[in-house]
Amino acid sequence: TGRDALDWLNENKAKLLLLDYELPDMKGIDVVDELGKRGQHFEF
């Protein structure tokens, strides 16, 4: 899920995200936008 991804990335680092556009709780684009609000930037 998008929420699980945000929680995991809050504690860990990733070199690359393989991001599904359609997730059960949000769209992939929303995950990217939320990371941007936190000041976190990952290649995806």
PDB file of all heavy atoms in Angstrom:
ATOM      1  N   THR A   1       0.840  -1.200   0.000  1.00  0.00           N
ATOM      2  CA  THR A   1       0.000   0.000   0.000  1.00  0.00           C
ATOM      3  C   THR A   1       0.880   1.255   0.000  1.00  0.00           C
ATOM      4  O   THR A   1       2.065   1.222   0.357  1.00  0.00           O
ATOM      5  CB  THR A   1      -0.914   0.053   1.236  1.00  0.00           C
ATOM      6  OG1 THR A   1      -0.110   0.241   2.410  1.00  0.00           O
ATOM      7  CG2 THR A   1      -1.742  -1.228   1.359  1.00  0.00           C
ATOM      8  N   GLY A   2       0.232   2.376  -0.331  1.00  0.00           N
ATOM      9  CA  GLY A   2       0.953   3.648  -0.321  1.00  0.00           C
ATOM     10  C   GLY A   2       1.361   4.045   1.096  1.00  0.00           C
ATOM     11  O   GLY A   2       2.452   4.574   1.322  1.00  0.00           O
ATOM     12  N   ARG A   3       0.459   3.771   2.089  1.00  0.00           N
ATOM     13  CA  ARG A   3       0.774   4.133   3.464  1.00  0.00           C
ATOM     14  C   ARG A   3       1.937   3.327   3.989  1.00  0.00           C
ATOM     15  O   ARG A   3       2.820   3.859   4.681  1.00  0.00           O
ATOM     16  CB  ARG A   3      -0.485   3.910   4.333  1.00  0.00           C
ATOM     17  CG  ARG A   3      -0.309   4.237   5.807  1.00  0.00           C
ATOM     18  CD  ARG A   3       0.230   5.625   6.047  1.00  0.00           C
ATOM     19  NE  ARG A   3      -0.545   6.657   5.369  1.00  0.00           N
ATOM     20  CZ  ARG A   3      -0.152   7.923   5.239  1.00  0.00           C
ATOM     21  NH1 ARG A   3       1.051   8.287   5.688  1.00  0.00           N
ATOM     22  NH2 ARG A   3      -0.907   8.804   4.622  1.00  0.00           N
ATOM     23  N   ASP A   4       1.965   2.001   3.660  1.00  0.00           N
ATOM     24  CA  ASP A   4       3.100   1.166   4.082  1.00  0.00           C
ATOM     25  C   ASP A   4       4.409   1.694   3.475  1.00  0.00           C
ATOM     26  O   ASP A   4       5.457   1.682   4.139  1.00  0.00           O
ATOM     27  CB  ASP A   4       2.871  -0.281   3.642  1.00  0.00           C
ATOM     28  CG  ASP A   4       1.759  -0.963   4.445  1.00  0.00           C
ATOM     29  OD1 ASP A   4       1.437  -0.444   5.540  1.00  0.00           O
ATOM     30  OD2 ASP A   4       1.234  -1.983   3.971  1.00  0.00           O
ATOM     31  N   ALA A   5       4.325   2.123   2.230  1.00  0.00           N
ATOM     32  CA  ALA A   5       5.527   2.650   1.573  1.00  0.00           C
ATOM     33  C   ALA A   5       6.029   3.904   2.282  1.00  0.00           C
ATOM     34  O   ALA A   5       7.234   4.065   2.534  1.00  0.00           O
ATOM     35  CB  ALA A   5       5.229   2.963   0.107  1.00  0.00           C
ATOM     36  N   LEU A   6       5.089   4.812   2.641  1.00  0.00           N
ATOM     37  CA  LEU A   6       5.487   6.047   3.326  1.00  0.00           C
ATOM     38  C   LEU A   6       6.099   5.750   4.695  1.00  0.00           C
ATOM     39  O   LEU A   6       7.092   6.371   5.096  1.00  0.00           O
ATOM     40  CB  LEU A   6       4.280   6.980   3.463  1.00  0.00           C
ATOM     41  CG  LEU A   6       3.738   7.566   2.151  1.00  0.00           C
ATOM     42  CD1 LEU A   6       2.410   8.293   2.391  1.00  0.00           C
ATOM     43  CD2 LEU A   6       4.751   8.522   1.531  1.00  0.00           C
ATOM     44  N   ASP A   7       5.486   4.780   5.406  1.00  0.00           N
ATOM     45  CA  ASP A   7       6.026   4.428   6.723  1.00  0.00           C
ATOM     46  C   ASP A   7       7.428   3.822   6.593  1.00  0.00           C
ATOM     47  O   ASP A   7       8.335   4.134   7.381  1.00  0.00           O
ATOM     48  CB  ASP A   7       5.080   3.433   7.429  1.00  0.00           C
ATOM     49  CG  ASP A   7       3.766   4.065   7.830  1.00  0.00           C
ATOM     50  OD1 ASP A   7       3.707   5.326   7.885  1.00  0.00           O
ATOM     51  OD2 ASP A   7       2.791   3.328   8.089  1.00  0.00           O
ATOM     52  N   TRP A   8       7.600   2.934   5.613  1.00  0.00           N
ATOM     53  CA  TRP A   8       8.912   2.273   5.437  1.00  0.00           C
ATOM     54  C   TRP A   8       9.975   3.312   5.064  1.00  0.00           C
ATOM     55  O   TRP A   8      11.087   3.308   5.609  1.00  0.00           O
ATOM     56  CB  TRP A   8       8.793   1.205   4.343  1.00  0.00           C
ATOM     57  CG  TRP A   8      10.001   0.313   4.251  1.00  0.00           C
ATOM     58  CD1 TRP A   8      10.212  -0.871   4.881  1.00  0.00           C
ATOM     59  CD2 TRP A   8      11.174   0.568   3.464  1.00  0.00           C
ATOM     60  NE1 TRP A   8      11.433  -1.392   4.561  1.00  0.00           N
ATOM     61  CE2 TRP A   8      12.066  -0.514   3.679  1.00  0.00           C
ATOM     62  CE3 TRP A   8      11.573   1.594   2.606  1.00  0.00           C
ATOM     63  CZ2 TRP A   8      13.309  -0.595   3.068  1.00  0.00           C
ATOM     64  CZ3 TRP A   8      12.812   1.508   2.008  1.00  0.00           C
ATOM     65  CH2 TRP A   8      13.673   0.419   2.248  1.00  0.00           C
ATOM     66  N   LEU A   9       9.624   4.211   4.179  1.00  0.00           N
ATOM     67  CA  LEU A   9      10.591   5.222   3.726  1.00  0.00           C
ATOM     68  C   LEU A   9      10.885   6.270   4.799  1.00  0.00           C
ATOM     69  O   LEU A   9      11.874   6.999   4.711  1.00  0.00           O
ATOM     70  CB  LEU A   9      10.078   5.915   2.457  1.00  0.00           C
ATOM     71  CG  LEU A   9      10.057   5.029   1.217  1.00  0.00           C
ATOM     72  CD1 LEU A   9       9.318   5.718   0.074  1.00  0.00           C
ATOM     73  CD2 LEU A   9      11.481   4.678   0.779  1.00  0.00           C
ATOM     74  N   ASN A  10       9.998   6.343   5.789  1.00  0.00           N
ATOM     75  CA  ASN A  10      10.260   7.251   6.892  1.00  0.00           C
ATOM     76  C   ASN A  10      11.419   6.761   7.757  1.00  0.00           C
ATOM     77  O   ASN A  10      12.078   7.561   8.443  1.00  0.00           O
ATOM     78  CB  ASN A  10       8.997   7.400   7.749  1.00  0.00           C
ATOM     79  CG  ASN A  10       9.037   8.635   8.623  1.00  0.00           C
ATOM     80  OD1 ASN A  10       9.465   9.702   8.180  1.00  0.00           O
ATOM     81  ND2 ASN A  10       8.603   8.494   9.858  1.00  0.00           N
ATOM     82  N   GLU A  11      11.685   5.462   7.702  1.00  0.00           N
ATOM     83  CA  GLU A  11      12.738   4.861   8.534  1.00  0.00           C
ATOM     84  C   GLU A  11      13.924   4.352   7.716  1.00  0.00           C
ATOM     85  O   GLU A  11      14.996   4.099   8.278  1.00  0.00           O
ATOM     86  CB  GLU A  11      12.158   3.670   9.332  1.00  0.00           C
ATOM     87  CG  GLU A  11      11.006   4.026  10.243  1.00  0.00           C
ATOM     88  CD  GLU A  11      11.449   4.930  11.399  1.00  0.00           C
ATOM     89  OE1 GLU A  11      12.649   4.844  11.773  1.00  0.00           O
ATOM     90  OE2 GLU A  11      10.626   5.704  11.906  1.00  0.00           O
ATOM     91  N   ASN A  12      13.767   4.212   6.415  1.00  0.00           N
ATOM     92  CA  ASN A  12      14.783   3.561   5.593  1.00  0.00           C
ATOM     93  C   ASN A  12      15.073   4.384   4.331  1.00  0.00           C
ATOM     94  O   ASN A  12      14.318   5.287   3.976  1.00  0.00           O
ATOM     95  CB  ASN A  12      14.329   2.154   5.191  1.00  0.00           C
ATOM     96  CG  ASN A  12      14.000   1.289   6.399  1.00  0.00           C
ATOM     97  OD1 ASN A  12      14.893   0.764   7.038  1.00  0.00           O
ATOM     98  ND2 ASN A  12      12.712   1.173   6.713  1.00  0.00           N
ATOM     99  N   LYS A  13      16.155   3.993   3.681  1.00  0.00           N
ATOM    100  CA  LYS A  13      16.548   4.628   2.428  1.00  0.00           C
ATOM    101  C   LYS A  13      16.450   3.617   1.293  1.00  0.00           C
ATOM    102  O   LYS A  13      16.725   2.425   1.487  1.00  0.00           O
ATOM    103  CB  LYS A  13      17.983   5.163   2.494  1.00  0.00           C
ATOM    104  CG  LYS A  13      18.208   6.257   3.527  1.00  0.00           C
ATOM    105  CD  LYS A  13      17.530   7.549   3.116  1.00  0.00           C
ATOM    106  CE  LYS A  13      17.829   8.662   4.112  1.00  0.00           C
ATOM    107  NZ  LYS A  13      17.142   9.918   3.741  1.00  0.00           N
ATOM    108  N   ALA A  14      16.099   4.087   0.134  1.00  0.00           N
ATOM    109  CA  ALA A  14      16.030   3.218  -1.047  1.00  0.00           C
ATOM    110  C   ALA A  14      16.729   3.908  -2.204  1.00  0.00           C
ATOM    111  O   ALA A  14      16.626   5.119  -2.377  1.00  0.00           O
ATOM    112  CB  ALA A  14      14.582   2.916  -1.406  1.00  0.00           C
ATOM    113  N   LYS A  15      17.440   3.097  -2.989  1.00  0.00           N
ATOM    114  CA  LYS A  15      18.095   3.649  -4.161  1.00  0.00           C
ATOM    115  C   LYS A  15      17.090   3.901  -5.269  1.00  0.00           C
ATOM    116  O   LYS A  15      17.222   4.858  -6.035  1.00  0.00           O
ATOM    117  CB  LYS A  15      19.201   2.706  -4.636  1.00  0.00           C
ATOM    118  CG  LYS A  15      19.973   3.216  -5.848  1.00  0.00           C
ATOM    119  CD  LYS A  15      21.179   2.354  -6.161  1.00  0.00           C
ATOM    120  CE  LYS A  15      22.334   2.684  -5.217  1.00  0.00           C
ATOM    121  NZ  LYS A  15      23.601   2.050  -5.673  1.00  0.00           N
ATOM    122  N   LEU A  16      16.032   3.045  -5.341  1.00  0.00           N
ATOM    123  CA  LEU A  16      15.050   3.164  -6.417  1.00  0.00           C
ATOM    124  C   LEU A  16      13.708   2.618  -5.922  1.00  0.00           C
ATOM    125  O   LEU A  16      13.668   1.605  -5.223  1.00  0.00           O
ATOM    126  CB  LEU A  16      15.507   2.384  -7.655  1.00  0.00           C
ATOM    127  CG  LEU A  16      14.573   2.386  -8.872  1.00  0.00           C
ATOM    128  CD1 LEU A  16      14.443   3.790  -9.458  1.00  0.00           C
ATOM    129  CD2 LEU A  16      15.087   1.414  -9.935  1.00  0.00           C
ATOM    130  N   LEU A  17      12.633   3.320  -6.274  1.00  0.00           N
ATOM    131  CA  LEU A  17      11.277   2.839  -5.982  1.00  0.00           C
ATOM    132  C   LEU A  17      10.668   2.316  -7.275  1.00  0.00           C
ATOM    133  O   LEU A  17      10.679   3.013  -8.293  1.00  0.00           O
ATOM    134  CB  LEU A  17      10.399   3.972  -5.445  1.00  0.00           C
ATOM    135  CG  LEU A  17      10.924   4.805  -4.270  1.00  0.00           C
ATOM    136  CD1 LEU A  17       9.885   5.854  -3.874  1.00  0.00           C
ATOM    137  CD2 LEU A  17      11.289   3.938  -3.097  1.00  0.00           C
ATOM    138  N   LEU A  18      10.124   1.058  -7.211  1.00  0.00           N
ATOM    139  CA  LEU A  18       9.313   0.527  -8.331  1.00  0.00           C
ATOM    140  C   LEU A  18       7.867   0.717  -7.899  1.00  0.00           C
ATOM    141  O   LEU A  18       7.335  -0.053  -7.089  1.00  0.00           O
ATOM    142  CB  LEU A  18       9.634  -0.939  -8.595  1.00  0.00           C
ATOM    143  CG  LEU A  18      11.079  -1.249  -9.006  1.00  0.00           C
ATOM    144  CD1 LEU A  18      11.220  -2.714  -9.372  1.00  0.00           C
ATOM    145  CD2 LEU A  18      11.500  -0.383 -10.180  1.00  0.00           C
ATOM    146  N   LEU A  19       7.238   1.751  -8.416  1.00  0.00           N
ATOM    147  CA  LEU A  19       5.968   2.245  -7.888  1.00  0.00           C
ATOM    148  C   LEU A  19       4.809   1.925  -8.821  1.00  0.00           C
ATOM    149  O   LEU A  19       4.786   2.357  -9.979  1.00  0.00           O
ATOM    150  CB  LEU A  19       6.085   3.769  -7.694  1.00  0.00           C
ATOM    151  CG  LEU A  19       4.861   4.528  -7.226  1.00  0.00           C
ATOM    152  CD1 LEU A  19       4.394   4.045  -5.859  1.00  0.00           C
ATOM    153  CD2 LEU A  19       5.168   6.035  -7.171  1.00  0.00           C
ATOM    154  N   ASP A  20       3.825   1.142  -8.275  1.00  0.00           N
ATOM    155  CA  ASP A  20       2.595   0.870  -9.029  1.00  0.00           C
ATOM    156  C   ASP A  20       1.745   2.128  -9.026  1.00  0.00           C
ATOM    157  O   ASP A  20       1.612   2.794  -8.001  1.00  0.00           O
ATOM    158  CB  ASP A  20       1.838  -0.291  -8.375  1.00  0.00           C
ATOM    159  CG  ASP A  20       0.721  -0.814  -9.266  1.00  0.00           C
ATOM    160  OD1 ASP A  20       0.566  -0.269 -10.383  1.00  0.00           O
ATOM    161  OD2 ASP A  20       0.022  -1.741  -8.846  1.00  0.00           O
ATOM    162  N   TYR A  21       1.190   2.475 -10.182  1.00  0.00           N
ATOM    163  CA  TYR A  21       0.423   3.717 -10.259  1.00  0.00           C
ATOM    164  C   TYR A  21      -0.885   3.604  -9.479  1.00  0.00           C
ATOM    165  O   TYR A  21      -1.314   4.565  -8.830  1.00  0.00           O
ATOM    166  CB  TYR A  21       0.145   4.068 -11.732  1.00  0.00           C
ATOM    167  CG  TYR A  21      -0.568   5.385 -11.877  1.00  0.00           C
ATOM    168  CD1 TYR A  21       0.143   6.585 -11.703  1.00  0.00           C
ATOM    169  CD2 TYR A  21      -1.930   5.444 -12.156  1.00  0.00           C
ATOM    170  CE1 TYR A  21      -0.492   7.805 -11.823  1.00  0.00           C
ATOM    171  CE2 TYR A  21      -2.577   6.658 -12.273  1.00  0.00           C
ATOM    172  CZ  TYR A  21      -1.861   7.842 -12.102  1.00  0.00           C
ATOM    173  OH  TYR A  21      -2.499   9.052 -12.202  1.00  0.00           O
ATOM    174  N   GLU A  22      -1.534   2.396  -9.543  1.00  0.00           N
ATOM    175  CA  GLU A  22      -2.818   2.189  -8.856  1.00  0.00           C
ATOM    176  C   GLU A  22      -2.584   1.347  -7.613  1.00  0.00           C
ATOM    177  O   GLU A  22      -2.186   0.186  -7.688  1.00  0.00           O
ATOM    178  CB  GLU A  22      -3.815   1.479  -9.777  1.00  0.00           C
ATOM    179  CG  GLU A  22      -4.197   2.263 -11.012  1.00  0.00           C
ATOM    180  CD  GLU A  22      -5.164   3.401 -10.682  1.00  0.00           C
ATOM    181  OE1 GLU A  22      -5.664   3.443  -9.538  1.00  0.00           O
ATOM    182  OE2 GLU A  22      -5.392   4.253 -11.558  1.00  0.00           O
ATOM    183  N   LEU A  23      -2.812   1.934  -6.394  1.00  0.00           N
ATOM    184  CA  LEU A  23      -2.667   1.226  -5.131  1.00  0.00           C
ATOM    185  C   LEU A  23      -4.012   1.202  -4.416  1.00  0.00           C
ATOM    186  O   LEU A  23      -4.889   2.050  -4.702  1.00  0.00           O
ATOM    187  CB  LEU A  23      -1.602   1.922  -4.267  1.00  0.00           C
ATOM    188  CG  LEU A  23      -0.189   1.897  -4.827  1.00  0.00           C
ATOM    189  CD1 LEU A  23       0.714   2.829  -4.034  1.00  0.00           C
ATOM    190  CD2 LEU A  23       0.378   0.483  -4.813  1.00  0.00           C
ATOM    191  N   PRO A  24      -4.209   0.297  -3.467  1.00  0.00           N
ATOM    192  CA  PRO A  24      -5.522   0.184  -2.813  1.00  0.00           C
ATOM    193  C   PRO A  24      -5.943   1.457  -2.090  1.00  0.00           C
ATOM    194  O   PRO A  24      -7.132   1.814  -2.084  1.00  0.00           O
ATOM    195  CB  PRO A  24      -5.313  -0.964  -1.821  1.00  0.00           C
ATOM    196  CG  PRO A  24      -4.168  -1.741  -2.350  1.00  0.00           C
ATOM    197  CD  PRO A  24      -3.291  -0.738  -3.019  1.00  0.00           C
ATOM    198  N   ASP A  25      -5.018   2.176  -1.460  1.00  0.00           N
ATOM    199  CA  ASP A  25      -5.388   3.318  -0.622  1.00  0.00           C
ATOM    200  C   ASP A  25      -5.091   4.674  -1.274  1.00  0.00           C
ATOM    201  O   ASP A  25      -5.578   5.697  -0.814  1.00  0.00           O
ATOM    202  CB  ASP A  25      -4.670   3.238   0.723  1.00  0.00           C
ATOM    203  CG  ASP A  25      -3.159   3.110   0.555  1.00  0.00           C
ATOM    204  OD1 ASP A  25      -2.698   2.805  -0.562  1.00  0.00           O
ATOM    205  OD2 ASP A  25      -2.431   3.312   1.549  1.00  0.00           O
ATOM    206  N   MET A  26      -4.306   4.708  -2.302  1.00  0.00           N
ATOM    207  CA  MET A  26      -3.984   5.976  -2.973  1.00  0.00           C
ATOM    208  C   MET A  26      -3.302   5.681  -4.290  1.00  0.00           C
ATOM    209  O   MET A  26      -2.909   4.550  -4.547  1.00  0.00           O
ATOM    210  CB  MET A  26      -3.090   6.851  -2.085  1.00  0.00           C
ATOM    211  CG  MET A  26      -1.720   6.257  -1.795  1.00  0.00           C
ATOM    212  SD  MET A  26      -0.678   7.354  -0.779  1.00  0.00           S
ATOM    213  CE  MET A  26      -1.470   7.203   0.811  1.00  0.00           C
ATOM    214  N   LYS A  27      -3.154   6.702  -5.100  1.00  0.00           N
ATOM    215  CA  LYS A  27      -2.438   6.547  -6.355  1.00  0.00           C
ATOM    216  C   LYS A  27      -0.923   6.727  -6.121  1.00  0.00           C
ATOM    217  O   LYS A  27      -0.512   7.378  -5.167  1.00  0.00           O
ATOM    218  CB  LYS A  27      -2.926   7.556  -7.382  1.00  0.00           C
ATOM    219  CG  LYS A  27      -4.354   7.314  -7.858  1.00  0.00           C
ATOM    220  CD  LYS A  27      -4.716   8.252  -8.963  1.00  0.00           C
ATOM    221  CE  LYS A  27      -6.155   8.008  -9.423  1.00  0.00           C
ATOM    222  NZ  LYS A  27      -6.331   6.666 -10.008  1.00  0.00           N
ATOM    223  N   GLY A  28      -0.183   6.148  -7.009  1.00  0.00           N
ATOM    224  CA  GLY A  28       1.272   6.281  -6.895  1.00  0.00           C
ATOM    225  C   GLY A  28       1.726   7.734  -6.899  1.00  0.00           C
ATOM    226  O   GLY A  28       2.678   8.121  -6.217  1.00  0.00           O
ATOM    227  N   ILE A  29       0.990   8.556  -7.693  1.00  0.00           N
ATOM    228  CA  ILE A  29       1.363   9.969  -7.759  1.00  0.00           C
ATOM    229  C   ILE A  29       1.210  10.662  -6.415  1.00  0.00           C
ATOM    230  O   ILE A  29       1.942  11.591  -6.065  1.00  0.00           O
ATOM    231  CB  ILE A  29       0.520  10.674  -8.852  1.00  0.00           C
ATOM    232  CG1 ILE A  29       1.153  12.029  -9.205  1.00  0.00           C
ATOM    233  CG2 ILE A  29      -0.924  10.850  -8.410  1.00  0.00           C
ATOM    234  CD1 ILE A  29       0.509  12.643 -10.443  1.00  0.00           C
ATOM    235  N   ASP A  30       0.222  10.164  -5.583  1.00  0.00           N
ATOM    236  CA  ASP A  30       0.000  10.735  -4.253  1.00  0.00           C
ATOM    237  C   ASP A  30       1.153  10.375  -3.318  1.00  0.00           C
ATOM    238  O   ASP A  30       1.521  11.170  -2.444  1.00  0.00           O
ATOM    239  CB  ASP A  30      -1.320  10.227  -3.674  1.00  0.00           C
ATOM    240  CG  ASP A  30      -2.523  10.666  -4.503  1.00  0.00           C
ATOM    241  OD1 ASP A  30      -2.459  11.792  -5.061  1.00  0.00           O
ATOM    242  OD2 ASP A  30      -3.492   9.896  -4.603  1.00  0.00           O
ATOM    243  N   VAL A  31       1.714   9.176  -3.504  1.00  0.00           N
ATOM    244  CA  VAL A  31       2.873   8.772  -2.687  1.00  0.00           C
ATOM    245  C   VAL A  31       4.050   9.725  -2.958  1.00  0.00           C
ATOM    246  O   VAL A  31       4.706  10.201  -2.037  1.00  0.00           O
ATOM    247  CB  VAL A  31       3.271   7.316  -3.010  1.00  0.00           C
ATOM    248  CG1 VAL A  31       4.554   6.941  -2.261  1.00  0.00           C
ATOM    249  CG2 VAL A  31       2.143   6.351  -2.655  1.00  0.00           C
ATOM    250  N   VAL A  32       4.269   9.995  -4.237  1.00  0.00           N
ATOM    251  CA  VAL A  32       5.379  10.889  -4.606  1.00  0.00           C
ATOM    252  C   VAL A  32       5.156  12.289  -4.032  1.00  0.00           C
ATOM    253  O   VAL A  32       6.074  12.919  -3.488  1.00  0.00           O
ATOM    254  CB  VAL A  32       5.524  10.964  -6.147  1.00  0.00           C
ATOM    255  CG1 VAL A  32       6.562  12.017  -6.538  1.00  0.00           C
ATOM    256  CG2 VAL A  32       5.899   9.602  -6.693  1.00  0.00           C
ATOM    257  N   ASP A  33       3.881  12.791  -4.120  1.00  0.00           N
ATOM    258  CA  ASP A  33       3.580  14.128  -3.607  1.00  0.00           C
ATOM    259  C   ASP A  33       3.770  14.192  -2.097  1.00  0.00           C
ATOM    260  O   ASP A  33       4.275  15.196  -1.566  1.00  0.00           O
ATOM    261  CB  ASP A  33       2.151  14.529  -3.981  1.00  0.00           C
ATOM    262  CG  ASP A  33       1.989  14.802  -5.474  1.00  0.00           C
ATOM    263  OD1 ASP A  33       3.043  15.000  -6.143  1.00  0.00           O
ATOM    264  OD2 ASP A  33       0.858  14.814  -5.971  1.00  0.00           O
ATOM    265  N   GLU A  34       3.362  13.143  -1.377  1.00  0.00           N
ATOM    266  CA  GLU A  34       3.518  13.132   0.079  1.00  0.00           C
ATOM    267  C   GLU A  34       4.986  13.114   0.469  1.00  0.00           C
ATOM    268  O   GLU A  34       5.390  13.792   1.421  1.00  0.00           O
ATOM    269  CB  GLU A  34       2.794  11.902   0.655  1.00  0.00           C
ATOM    270  CG  GLU A  34       2.821  11.808   2.178  1.00  0.00           C
ATOM    271  CD  GLU A  34       2.158  13.000   2.843  1.00  0.00           C
ATOM    272  OE1 GLU A  34       1.217  13.592   2.261  1.00  0.00           O
ATOM    273  OE2 GLU A  34       2.607  13.364   3.973  1.00  0.00           O
ATOM    274  N   LEU A  35       5.781  12.335  -0.239  1.00  0.00           N
ATOM    275  CA  LEU A  35       7.226  12.328   0.032  1.00  0.00           C
ATOM    276  C   LEU A  35       7.831  13.716  -0.195  1.00  0.00           C
ATOM    277  O   LEU A  35       8.701  14.171   0.557  1.00  0.00           O
ATOM    278  CB  LEU A  35       7.925  11.304  -0.872  1.00  0.00           C
ATOM    279  CG  LEU A  35       7.674   9.831  -0.532  1.00  0.00           C
ATOM    280  CD1 LEU A  35       8.247   8.928  -1.631  1.00  0.00           C
ATOM    281  CD2 LEU A  35       8.302   9.464   0.815  1.00  0.00           C
ATOM    282  N   GLY A  36       7.335  14.401  -1.232  1.00  0.00           N
ATOM    283  CA  GLY A  36       7.828  15.749  -1.514  1.00  0.00           C
ATOM    284  C   GLY A  36       7.513  16.714  -0.394  1.00  0.00           C
ATOM    285  O   GLY A  36       8.329  17.573  -0.042  1.00  0.00           O
ATOM    286  N   LYS A  37       6.294  16.586   0.198  1.00  0.00           N
ATOM    287  CA  LYS A  37       5.931  17.457   1.310  1.00  0.00           C
ATOM    288  C   LYS A  37       6.840  17.235   2.516  1.00  0.00           C
ATOM    289  O   LYS A  37       7.109  18.165   3.270  1.00  0.00           O
ATOM    290  CB  LYS A  37       4.476  17.198   1.705  1.00  0.00           C
ATOM    291  CG  LYS A  37       3.468  17.659   0.662  1.00  0.00           C
ATOM    292  CD  LYS A  37       2.054  17.273   1.089  1.00  0.00           C
ATOM    293  CE  LYS A  37       1.037  17.663   0.010  1.00  0.00           C
ATOM    294  NZ  LYS A  37      -0.353  17.260   0.393  1.00  0.00           N
ATOM    295  N   ARG A  38       7.280  16.003   2.698  1.00  0.00           N
ATOM    296  CA  ARG A  38       8.187  15.696   3.814  1.00  0.00           C
ATOM    297  C   ARG A  38       9.629  16.154   3.543  1.00  0.00           C
ATOM    298  O   ARG A  38      10.461  16.096   4.430  1.00  0.00           O
ATOM    299  CB  ARG A  38       8.217  14.179   4.043  1.00  0.00           C
ATOM    300  CG  ARG A  38       6.915  13.564   4.512  1.00  0.00           C
ATOM    301  CD  ARG A  38       7.151  12.072   4.681  1.00  0.00           C
ATOM    302  NE  ARG A  38       5.974  11.349   5.078  1.00  0.00           N
ATOM    303  CZ  ARG A  38       5.953  10.025   5.314  1.00  0.00           C
ATOM    304  NH1 ARG A  38       7.085   9.333   5.163  1.00  0.00           N
ATOM    305  NH2 ARG A  38       4.850   9.435   5.680  1.00  0.00           N
ATOM    306  N   GLY A  39       9.896  16.530   2.311  1.00  0.00           N
ATOM    307  CA  GLY A  39      11.267  16.870   1.955  1.00  0.00           C
ATOM    308  C   GLY A  39      12.100  15.659   1.600  1.00  0.00           C
ATOM    309  O   GLY A  39      13.338  15.727   1.578  1.00  0.00           O
ATOM    310  N   GLN A  40      11.403  14.531   1.321  1.00  0.00           N
ATOM    311  CA  GLN A  40      12.103  13.310   0.929  1.00  0.00           C
ATOM    312  C   GLN A  40      11.997  13.145  -0.583  1.00  0.00           C
ATOM    313  O   GLN A  40      10.913  13.262  -1.157  1.00  0.00           O
ATOM    314  CB  GLN A  40      11.486  12.085   1.633  1.00  0.00           C
ATOM    315  CG  GLN A  40      11.706  12.076   3.139  1.00  0.00           C
ATOM    316  CD  GLN A  40      11.018  10.867   3.770  1.00  0.00           C
ATOM    317  OE1 GLN A  40       9.782  10.780   3.799  1.00  0.00           O
ATOM    318  NE2 GLN A  40      11.826   9.935   4.259  1.00  0.00           N
ATOM    319  N   HIS A  41      13.134  12.855  -1.175  1.00  0.00           N
ATOM    320  CA  HIS A  41      13.156  12.713  -2.634  1.00  0.00           C
ATOM    321  C   HIS A  41      13.870  11.414  -2.990  1.00  0.00           C
ATOM    322  O   HIS A  41      15.049  11.235  -2.673  1.00  0.00           O
ATOM    323  CB  HIS A  41      13.870  13.910  -3.279  1.00  0.00           C
ATOM    324  CG  HIS A  41      13.230  15.225  -2.952  1.00  0.00           C
ATOM    325  ND1 HIS A  41      12.100  15.670  -3.592  1.00  0.00           N
ATOM    326  CD2 HIS A  41      13.553  16.176  -2.033  1.00  0.00           C
ATOM    327  CE1 HIS A  41      11.750  16.854  -3.094  1.00  0.00           C
ATOM    328  NE2 HIS A  41      12.626  17.168  -2.134  1.00  0.00           N
ATOM    329  N   PHE A  42      13.147  10.534  -3.657  1.00  0.00           N
ATOM    330  CA  PHE A  42      13.694   9.247  -4.079  1.00  0.00           C
ATOM    331  C   PHE A  42      13.502   9.105  -5.578  1.00  0.00           C
ATOM    332  O   PHE A  42      12.534   9.608  -6.150  1.00  0.00           O
ATOM    333  CB  PHE A  42      12.978   8.086  -3.357  1.00  0.00           C
ATOM    334  CG  PHE A  42      13.185   8.071  -1.875  1.00  0.00           C
ATOM    335  CD1 PHE A  42      12.274   8.694  -1.025  1.00  0.00           C
ATOM    336  CD2 PHE A  42      14.292   7.450  -1.326  1.00  0.00           C
ATOM    337  CE1 PHE A  42      12.465   8.684   0.345  1.00  0.00           C
ATOM    338  CE2 PHE A  42      14.484   7.430   0.047  1.00  0.00           C
ATOM    339  CZ  PHE A  42      13.572   8.060   0.887  1.00  0.00           C
ATOM    340  N   GLU A  43      14.462   8.434  -6.195  1.00  0.00           N
ATOM    341  CA  GLU A  43      14.308   8.116  -7.611  1.00  0.00           C
ATOM    342  C   GLU A  43      13.257   7.009  -7.736  1.00  0.00           C
ATOM    343  O   GLU A  43      13.254   6.046  -6.956  1.00  0.00           O
ATOM    344  CB  GLU A  43      15.642   7.641  -8.199  1.00  0.00           C
ATOM    345  CG  GLU A  43      16.791   8.611  -8.023  1.00  0.00           C
ATOM    346  CD  GLU A  43      16.618   9.885  -8.846  1.00  0.00           C
ATOM    347  OE1 GLU A  43      15.727   9.894  -9.715  1.00  0.00           O
ATOM    348  OE2 GLU A  43      17.362  10.853  -8.600  1.00  0.00           O
ATOM    349  N   PHE A  44      12.352   7.145  -8.709  1.00  0.00           N
ATOM    350  CA  PHE A  44      11.286   6.138  -8.832  1.00  0.00           C
ATOM    351  C   PHE A  44      10.988   5.825 -10.292  1.00  0.00           C
ATOM    352  O   PHE A  44      11.192   6.663 -11.177  1.00  0.00           O
ATOM    353  CB  PHE A  44      10.013   6.586  -8.098  1.00  0.00           C
ATOM    354  CG  PHE A  44       9.368   7.811  -8.669  1.00  0.00           C
ATOM    355  CD1 PHE A  44       8.318   7.697  -9.587  1.00  0.00           C
ATOM    356  CD2 PHE A  44       9.783   9.092  -8.294  1.00  0.00           C
ATOM    357  CE1 PHE A  44       7.729   8.824 -10.116  1.00  0.00           C
ATOM    358  CE2 PHE A  44       9.180  10.219  -8.818  1.00  0.00           C
ATOM    359  CZ  PHE A  44       8.153  10.086  -9.728  1.00  0.00           C
TER     360      PHE A  44
END
